[in-house]
Amino acid sequence: GVTRLLLTRIPFFKEIIVSSFACDSCSWSNTEIQSAGRIQEQGVRYTLAVTSRQDMDREVVKADCATARIPELDFEIPAFTQKGVLTTIEGIIDRAVAGLEQDQPVRRATDEEVAKKIEEFIGKLKQLKEVHSPFTFILDDPSGNSFVENPRAPQRDEALVVTHYRRTPEQAALLGLEGEEELDEKPADSTEDLRNEVLQFNTNCPECNAPASTNMKLVQIPHFKEVIIMATNCDSCGHRTNEVKSGGAIEPQGTRITLAITDPLDMMRDILKSETCSVEIPELEFELGMGALGGKFTTLEGLLKDIRDLVERNPFTLGDSSVPDRTEKLREFIGKLQEIIEGRRKAHFIMDDPAGNSYLQNVYAPEEDPELRVERYERSFSQNEELGLNAMK
């Protein structure tokens, strides 16, 4: 047979290698994908409540290091047991059924009891495809390169929960990563030196993988706290990126910041969005979950433009993966978002950070801002769980 390889670039998923095999003798064919880009900074877990037949048609990008689980059947497809694939929920179940059925003739000849149990389990998997009762599909990828489609994008999908998390040392070792350890804490007397010094260390460009340098500096934000700003500049391809990390601990309470956008000058407000912060624009029925876009220190206009670019780069709205109705809805959403950026549409901008490490500039400081409301609240058990606080009690 013949195997064809194609290096291609999918927006949002970076670069991938598509391999296709075809045999002229028996007409067997197969297609696989492998990630050719870098491993993401955080792992990702998708939890989907499958309640209808339409949910089975959701497109899924499953990397070879991702684990797929269906808790109701105590069923799991471990990492590295299948090649990466672009498929659907139904396709993943069909592939699992085909794998179990493959060795059934041998099992019936050697151990009939085991063969009967597996046959019963195969029947349960096939029944899932009819969705007679709801079940949960979980896709956990420590590399962060897997994806489950949200058919209502850019609106929030109530059935789909996306969680970004830090990899454990075991997961990092499984991916072949070394040195994923936090920087050693500096002595207390060196804090002042850090404020006046720009640290620089070598890294690789996230776009072209060429050697690049990253600058890091400790910055004090007025009326807020200290943050660490990291900026990377690649001389080879010109790519630039910046990221913000909180320089302090998790606050005792979560923070919810609501800004009424009523003036074009609101776009110039400084904003600090931490990795744990979610963003909501009720007028557009839009919500950006925790971990998306990472930590950023920019202006409100800059963050809204990043959100616009993120929606435009959605791979399921481009090329063969696009659906006319969905594409039209996204174009309408982008148009309304652009009107907010240009100051021609009023809206509310809401930041919800359970860790309390996000900030939106009060232009009237130290006086109260009539358009800005900051609320403190007690975190729920699930929010503490996502932040890893329950294990520390």
Protein backbone atom coordinates (compact mmCIF):
# COMPACT_ATOMS: atom_id res chain seq x y z
CA GLY A 1 0.00 0.00 0.00
CA VAL A 2 0.86 3.68 -0.05
CA THR A 3 1.06 6.06 2.89
CA ARG A 4 0.72 9.79 2.24
CA LEU A 5 1.81 12.42 4.76
CA LEU A 6 0.60 16.04 4.83
CA LEU A 7 1.89 18.72 7.17
CA THR A 8 -0.93 21.23 7.58
CA ARG A 9 -1.93 23.99 9.91
CA ILE A 10 -5.34 24.06 11.62
CA PRO A 11 -6.26 27.33 13.35
CA PHE A 12 -6.51 26.95 17.13
CA PHE A 13 -4.83 23.49 16.99
CA LYS A 14 -1.50 24.67 15.59
CA GLU A 15 0.22 22.28 13.15
CA ILE A 16 -0.74 18.63 12.58
CA ILE A 17 0.46 15.79 10.40
CA VAL A 18 -2.27 13.95 8.51
CA SER A 19 -1.29 10.44 7.37
CA SER A 20 -3.45 8.46 4.97
CA PHE A 21 -2.91 4.80 4.00
CA ALA A 22 -4.61 2.95 1.14
CA CYS A 23 -4.13 -0.62 -0.09
CA ASP A 24 -4.98 -1.40 -3.73
CA SER A 25 -5.11 -5.15 -3.07
CA CYS A 26 -7.81 -5.29 -0.37
CA SER A 27 -9.13 -1.69 -0.57
CA TRP A 28 -8.41 -1.13 3.13
CA SER A 29 -7.75 2.51 4.07
CA ASN A 30 -6.98 4.41 7.24
CA THR A 31 -6.41 8.03 8.28
CA GLU A 32 -4.60 9.28 11.38
CA ILE A 33 -3.47 12.64 12.76
CA GLN A 34 -0.48 13.56 14.89
CA SER A 35 0.29 16.87 16.52
CA ALA A 36 3.26 18.62 14.92
CA GLY A 37 3.05 21.71 17.12
CA ARG A 38 4.14 22.32 20.66
CA ILE A 39 2.52 20.86 23.75
CA GLN A 40 0.22 23.44 25.35
CA GLU A 41 1.10 25.04 28.69
CA GLN A 42 -1.86 23.36 30.44
CA GLY A 43 -3.75 20.14 30.07
CA VAL A 44 -7.44 20.19 29.16
CA ARG A 45 -10.43 18.09 30.21
CA TYR A 46 -13.75 18.10 28.33
CA THR A 47 -16.81 16.75 30.15
CA LEU A 48 -19.86 16.37 27.90
CA ALA A 49 -23.34 15.34 29.07
CA VAL A 50 -24.68 13.37 26.08
CA THR A 51 -28.48 13.64 26.13
CA SER A 52 -29.54 13.45 22.48
CA ARG A 53 -28.68 11.79 19.19
CA GLN A 54 -27.33 15.12 17.94
CA ASP A 55 -24.64 15.05 20.63
CA MET A 56 -23.23 11.89 19.03
CA ASP A 57 -22.40 13.92 15.92
CA ARG A 58 -20.16 16.42 17.73
CA GLU A 59 -16.73 16.61 16.13
CA VAL A 60 -13.80 15.53 18.31
CA VAL A 61 -10.06 15.95 17.94
CA LYS A 62 -8.51 13.19 20.07
CA ALA A 63 -4.73 13.28 20.43
CA ASP A 64 -2.88 10.01 20.93
CA CYS A 65 -2.01 11.02 24.53
CA ALA A 66 -5.67 11.73 25.43
CA THR A 67 -7.79 9.45 27.62
CA ALA A 68 -11.48 8.95 26.81
CA ARG A 69 -13.87 7.76 29.55
CA ILE A 70 -17.55 6.90 29.95
CA PRO A 71 -18.06 6.62 33.76
CA GLU A 72 -21.53 5.04 33.50
CA LEU A 73 -20.01 1.91 31.93
CA ASP A 74 -16.70 2.16 33.82
CA PHE A 75 -15.16 2.29 30.33
CA GLU A 76 -11.84 3.91 29.48
CA ILE A 77 -9.63 4.23 26.42
CA PRO A 78 -6.17 4.78 27.94
CA ALA A 79 -3.63 7.21 26.53
CA PHE A 80 -1.33 6.02 23.73
CA THR A 81 -3.51 2.98 22.93
CA GLN A 82 -4.95 4.65 19.80
CA LYS A 83 -3.53 7.02 17.24
CA GLY A 84 -4.70 10.62 17.07
CA VAL A 85 -7.93 11.03 15.12
CA LEU A 86 -10.45 13.62 13.93
CA THR A 87 -13.84 11.97 14.41
CA THR A 88 -17.14 12.24 16.33
CA ILE A 89 -18.41 10.89 19.66
CA GLU A 90 -20.12 8.08 17.73
CA GLY A 91 -16.90 7.43 15.81
CA ILE A 92 -14.94 6.95 19.04
CA ILE A 93 -17.51 4.42 20.29
CA ASP A 94 -17.52 2.61 16.90
CA ARG A 95 -13.73 2.39 17.00
CA ALA A 96 -13.81 0.96 20.52
CA VAL A 97 -16.44 -1.62 19.48
CA ALA A 98 -14.36 -2.65 16.45
CA GLY A 99 -11.29 -3.08 18.65
CA LEU A 100 -13.16 -5.31 21.13
CA GLU A 101 -14.78 -7.41 18.37
CA GLN A 102 -11.49 -7.98 16.61
CA ASP A 103 -10.25 -10.75 18.96
CA GLN A 104 -13.63 -12.24 19.85
CA PRO A 105 -13.20 -15.40 17.67
CA VAL A 106 -9.98 -16.23 19.54
CA ARG A 107 -11.58 -15.55 22.91
CA ARG A 108 -14.54 -17.83 22.14
CA ALA A 109 -12.10 -20.65 21.37
CA THR A 110 -9.89 -20.12 24.43
CA ASP A 111 -12.15 -18.64 27.13
CA GLU A 112 -15.86 -18.66 26.34
CA GLU A 113 -16.87 -17.03 29.64
CA VAL A 114 -14.67 -13.97 29.04
CA ALA A 115 -15.94 -13.79 25.45
CA LYS A 116 -19.56 -13.68 26.70
CA LYS A 117 -18.81 -10.85 29.14
CA ILE A 118 -17.09 -8.83 26.43
CA GLU A 119 -20.02 -9.51 24.08
CA GLU A 120 -22.40 -8.11 26.71
CA PHE A 121 -20.20 -5.05 27.13
CA ILE A 122 -20.08 -4.52 23.35
CA GLY A 123 -23.89 -4.58 23.39
CA LYS A 124 -23.94 -1.85 26.04
CA LEU A 125 -21.58 0.30 23.96
CA LYS A 126 -23.80 -0.10 20.90
CA GLN A 127 -26.86 0.90 22.95
CA LEU A 128 -25.10 4.14 23.93
CA LYS A 129 -25.23 5.23 20.29
CA GLU A 130 -29.03 5.31 20.45
CA VAL A 131 -28.89 7.57 23.57
CA HIS A 132 -31.86 5.86 25.25
CA SER A 133 -30.52 7.31 28.51
CA PRO A 134 -28.04 10.17 29.14
CA PHE A 135 -24.37 9.40 29.74
CA THR A 136 -21.16 11.34 30.30
CA PHE A 137 -18.24 11.50 27.87
CA ILE A 138 -14.90 12.71 29.28
CA LEU A 139 -11.85 13.54 27.15
CA ASP A 140 -8.73 14.24 29.22
CA ASP A 141 -5.58 15.39 27.41
CA PRO A 142 -2.52 16.47 29.43
CA SER A 143 -0.96 17.91 26.24
CA GLY A 144 -3.92 20.30 25.74
CA ASN A 145 -4.19 19.45 22.03
CA SER A 146 -7.58 17.71 22.03
CA PHE A 147 -10.94 19.35 21.37
CA VAL A 148 -14.69 18.69 21.61
CA GLU A 149 -16.99 20.78 19.42
CA ASN A 150 -19.36 23.33 20.87
CA PRO A 151 -22.18 23.53 18.26
CA ARG A 152 -23.55 26.70 19.91
CA ALA A 153 -20.25 28.61 19.69
CA PRO A 154 -19.57 31.38 20.51
CA GLN A 155 -22.40 31.02 23.04
CA ARG A 156 -21.94 28.91 26.14
CA ASP A 157 -22.74 25.20 25.89
CA GLU A 158 -24.49 24.11 29.10
CA ALA A 159 -23.78 20.43 28.32
CA LEU A 160 -20.02 20.90 27.87
CA VAL A 161 -17.61 21.73 30.69
CA VAL A 162 -14.02 22.65 29.72
CA THR A 163 -11.40 22.53 32.48
CA HIS A 164 -7.76 23.60 32.08
CA TYR A 165 -5.33 22.23 34.65
CA ARG A 166 -1.66 22.03 35.50
CA ARG A 167 0.00 18.76 34.59
CA THR A 168 1.22 16.46 37.35
CA PRO A 169 4.89 15.35 37.29
CA GLU A 170 3.70 11.91 36.15
CA GLN A 171 1.77 13.40 33.21
CA ALA A 172 4.74 15.58 32.27
CA ALA A 173 7.01 12.53 32.29
CA LEU A 174 4.49 10.63 30.15
CA LEU A 175 4.71 13.41 27.55
CA GLY A 176 8.49 13.40 27.67
CA LEU A 177 8.72 16.83 29.32
CA GLU A 178 11.51 17.62 31.72
CA GLY A 179 12.04 20.44 34.14
CA GLU A 180 8.36 21.36 34.59
CA GLU A 181 9.07 22.57 38.08
CA GLU A 182 8.22 25.89 39.62
CA LEU A 183 11.00 28.40 40.08
CA ASP A 184 12.61 28.30 43.51
CA GLU A 185 11.39 31.09 45.71
CA LYS A 186 13.80 33.97 46.09
CA PRO A 187 14.85 35.12 49.55
CA ALA A 188 12.72 37.91 50.98
CA ASP A 189 15.55 40.42 50.77
CA SER A 190 15.83 39.99 46.99
CA THR A 191 12.26 41.14 46.26
CA GLU A 192 13.34 44.74 45.74
CA ASP A 193 16.05 43.60 43.32
CA LEU A 194 13.47 41.70 41.29
CA ARG A 195 11.31 44.82 40.93
CA ASN A 196 14.19 46.69 39.35
CA GLU A 197 15.53 43.87 37.19
CA VAL A 198 14.34 42.29 33.93
CA LEU A 199 15.16 38.58 33.94
CA GLN A 200 15.81 36.86 30.62
CA PHE A 201 15.92 33.17 29.76
CA ASN A 202 16.09 31.14 26.57
CA THR A 203 13.07 29.31 25.15
CA ASN A 204 11.56 28.24 21.82
CA CYS A 205 9.05 30.21 19.76
CA PRO A 206 5.52 28.73 20.11
CA GLU A 207 4.87 29.37 16.39
CA CYS A 208 8.03 28.35 14.49
CA ASN A 209 9.94 26.57 17.31
CA ALA A 210 13.06 28.67 16.60
CA PRO A 211 15.27 29.73 19.54
CA ALA A 212 13.88 32.87 21.21
CA SER A 213 14.23 34.80 24.44
CA THR A 214 11.63 35.50 27.13
CA ASN A 215 11.79 38.56 29.37
CA MET A 216 10.26 38.40 32.85
CA LYS A 217 9.60 41.27 35.27
CA LEU A 218 7.86 41.80 38.59
CA VAL A 219 5.44 44.75 38.30
CA GLN A 220 3.35 46.55 40.93
CA ILE A 221 -0.14 47.48 39.64
CA PRO A 222 -1.51 50.59 41.42
CA HIS A 223 -4.44 49.92 43.77
CA PHE A 224 -3.97 46.17 43.23
CA LYS A 225 -1.00 43.85 43.75
CA GLU A 226 2.23 42.57 42.23
CA VAL A 227 2.16 40.49 39.05
CA ILE A 228 4.80 38.77 36.92
CA ILE A 229 4.78 39.77 33.24
CA MET A 230 6.50 37.48 30.72
CA ALA A 231 7.03 38.55 27.10
CA THR A 232 8.47 36.46 24.26
CA ASN A 233 9.78 37.93 20.98
CA CYS A 234 10.91 35.72 18.08
CA ASP A 235 13.47 37.25 15.67
CA SER A 236 12.88 34.48 13.12
CA CYS A 237 9.12 34.82 12.44
CA GLY A 238 8.32 38.05 14.32
CA HIS A 239 5.84 36.35 16.66
CA ARG A 240 5.21 38.18 19.93
CA THR A 241 3.31 37.05 22.98
CA ASN A 242 2.90 38.14 26.58
CA GLU A 243 1.57 36.34 29.62
CA VAL A 244 0.77 37.41 33.15
CA LYS A 245 1.08 35.40 36.35
CA SER A 246 -0.07 36.47 39.77
CA GLY A 247 2.81 37.39 42.03
CA GLY A 248 0.82 36.70 45.20
CA ALA A 249 -1.27 34.01 46.80
CA ILE A 250 -4.89 33.08 46.11
CA GLU A 251 -7.20 35.58 47.79
CA PRO A 252 -9.51 34.46 50.63
CA GLN A 253 -12.55 35.32 48.47
CA GLY A 254 -13.39 35.28 44.79
CA THR A 255 -13.91 38.49 42.80
CA ARG A 256 -16.64 39.39 40.33
CA ILE A 257 -16.06 42.63 38.38
CA THR A 258 -18.85 44.15 36.28
CA LEU A 259 -18.22 47.10 33.94
CA ALA A 260 -21.01 48.92 32.10
CA ILE A 261 -19.44 49.89 28.75
CA THR A 262 -21.04 53.24 27.92
CA ASP A 263 -18.19 55.26 26.39
CA PRO A 264 -15.50 54.54 23.75
CA LEU A 265 -12.89 55.64 26.32
CA ASP A 266 -13.77 52.51 28.35
CA MET A 267 -11.74 50.57 25.77
CA MET A 268 -8.57 52.21 27.14
CA ARG A 269 -8.99 50.80 30.68
CA ASP A 270 -6.12 48.59 31.84
CA ILE A 271 -7.15 45.02 32.54
CA LEU A 272 -5.45 42.06 34.19
CA LYS A 273 -7.05 38.72 33.38
CA SER A 274 -5.57 35.80 35.30
CA GLU A 275 -5.63 32.17 34.13
CA THR A 276 -8.45 31.42 36.58
CA CYS A 277 -10.72 34.22 35.33
CA SER A 278 -13.79 33.69 33.14
CA VAL A 279 -15.31 36.46 31.01
CA GLU A 280 -18.97 37.06 30.18
CA ILE A 281 -20.82 39.50 27.90
CA PRO A 282 -24.55 38.95 28.66
CA GLU A 283 -25.81 41.05 25.73
CA LEU A 284 -24.03 38.69 23.29
CA GLU A 285 -24.81 35.52 25.32
CA PHE A 286 -21.06 34.93 25.35
CA GLU A 287 -18.89 33.31 28.00
CA LEU A 288 -15.15 32.60 27.94
CA GLY A 289 -14.16 29.87 30.38
CA MET A 290 -11.27 29.67 32.81
CA GLY A 291 -7.89 29.03 31.20
CA ALA A 292 -8.87 30.32 27.75
CA LEU A 293 -6.43 32.94 26.41
CA GLY A 294 -4.26 32.40 29.51
CA GLY A 295 -3.19 35.27 31.73
CA LYS A 296 -3.09 38.71 30.09
CA PHE A 297 -2.22 42.29 31.06
CA THR A 298 -3.65 44.53 28.36
CA THR A 299 -6.50 46.99 27.76
CA LEU A 300 -10.19 46.17 27.48
CA GLU A 301 -9.94 46.79 23.73
CA GLY A 302 -6.96 44.42 23.50
CA LEU A 303 -8.78 41.63 25.35
CA LEU A 304 -11.92 42.00 23.22
CA LYS A 305 -9.79 41.81 20.07
CA ASP A 306 -8.14 38.64 21.39
CA ILE A 307 -11.61 37.17 21.95
CA ARG A 308 -12.60 38.15 18.40
CA ASP A 309 -9.46 36.51 16.97
CA LEU A 310 -10.09 33.37 19.03
CA VAL A 311 -13.61 33.02 17.61
CA GLU A 312 -12.42 33.68 14.05
CA ARG A 313 -9.74 30.96 14.36
CA ASN A 314 -12.27 28.27 15.37
CA PRO A 315 -11.40 25.33 13.04
CA PHE A 316 -15.01 24.15 12.82
CA THR A 317 -16.05 27.41 11.12
CA LEU A 318 -13.53 27.14 8.30
CA GLY A 319 -13.23 25.03 5.16
CA ASP A 320 -14.90 21.61 4.99
CA SER A 321 -15.76 21.68 8.71
CA SER A 322 -17.97 24.78 8.43
CA VAL A 323 -21.77 24.74 8.57
CA PRO A 324 -23.53 27.67 6.84
CA ASP A 325 -25.96 28.40 9.71
CA ARG A 326 -23.25 28.27 12.34
CA THR A 327 -20.88 30.38 10.23
CA GLU A 328 -23.58 33.03 9.78
CA LYS A 329 -24.21 33.12 13.56
CA LEU A 330 -20.49 33.58 14.22
CA ARG A 331 -20.26 36.39 11.67
CA GLU A 332 -23.19 38.11 13.38
CA PHE A 333 -21.51 37.68 16.77
CA ILE A 334 -18.19 39.07 15.49
CA GLY A 335 -20.04 42.05 13.99
CA LYS A 336 -21.71 42.88 17.32
CA LEU A 337 -18.41 42.44 19.17
CA GLN A 338 -16.73 44.81 16.74
CA GLU A 339 -19.45 47.40 17.42
CA ILE A 340 -18.65 47.17 21.15
CA ILE A 341 -14.92 47.61 20.42
CA GLU A 342 -15.66 50.69 18.29
CA GLY A 343 -17.94 52.16 21.00
CA ARG A 344 -21.14 51.91 18.92
CA ARG A 345 -22.89 49.38 21.17
CA LYS A 346 -23.37 49.42 24.94
CA ALA A 347 -22.82 46.23 26.88
CA HIS A 348 -21.77 44.77 30.22
CA PHE A 349 -18.34 43.19 30.62
CA ILE A 350 -18.11 40.72 33.52
CA MET A 351 -14.95 39.12 34.94
CA ASP A 352 -15.37 36.30 37.46
CA ASP A 353 -12.17 35.12 39.14
CA PRO A 354 -12.51 32.58 41.98
CA ALA A 355 -8.84 33.19 42.87
CA GLY A 356 -9.40 36.96 43.18
CA ASN A 357 -6.31 37.77 41.09
CA SER A 358 -7.92 39.76 38.25
CA TYR A 359 -8.21 43.51 37.93
CA LEU A 360 -10.04 46.15 35.87
CA GLN A 361 -8.85 49.76 36.10
CA ASN A 362 -10.91 52.27 38.05
CA VAL A 363 -10.35 55.52 36.14
CA TYR A 364 -11.78 57.50 39.06
CA ALA A 365 -9.43 55.97 41.68
CA PRO A 366 -9.27 56.45 44.61
CA GLU A 367 -12.91 57.55 44.25
CA GLU A 368 -15.66 55.09 43.29
CA ASP A 369 -16.30 54.39 39.61
CA PRO A 370 -20.05 54.72 38.81
CA GLU A 371 -19.76 52.25 35.91
CA LEU A 372 -17.65 49.66 37.76
CA ARG A 373 -18.89 47.23 40.41
CA VAL A 374 -16.55 44.90 42.32
CA GLU A 375 -18.10 42.08 44.38
CA ARG A 376 -16.39 39.67 46.76
CA TYR A 377 -17.92 36.24 47.31
CA GLU A 378 -17.25 32.94 49.06
CA ARG A 379 -16.03 30.24 46.71
CA SER A 380 -18.06 27.07 46.20
CA PHE A 381 -16.65 23.59 46.87
CA SER A 382 -16.21 22.92 43.13
CA GLN A 383 -14.31 26.21 42.67
CA ASN A 384 -11.99 25.33 45.56
CA GLU A 385 -11.52 21.92 43.96
CA GLU A 386 -10.46 23.46 40.63
CA LEU A 387 -7.97 25.70 42.45
CA GLY A 388 -6.60 22.74 44.42
CA LEU A 389 -7.55 24.27 47.77
CA ASN A 390 -9.63 21.37 49.12
CA ALA A 391 -6.58 19.11 49.20
CA MET A 392 -4.73 21.69 51.30
CA LYS A 393 -7.26 21.74 54.13
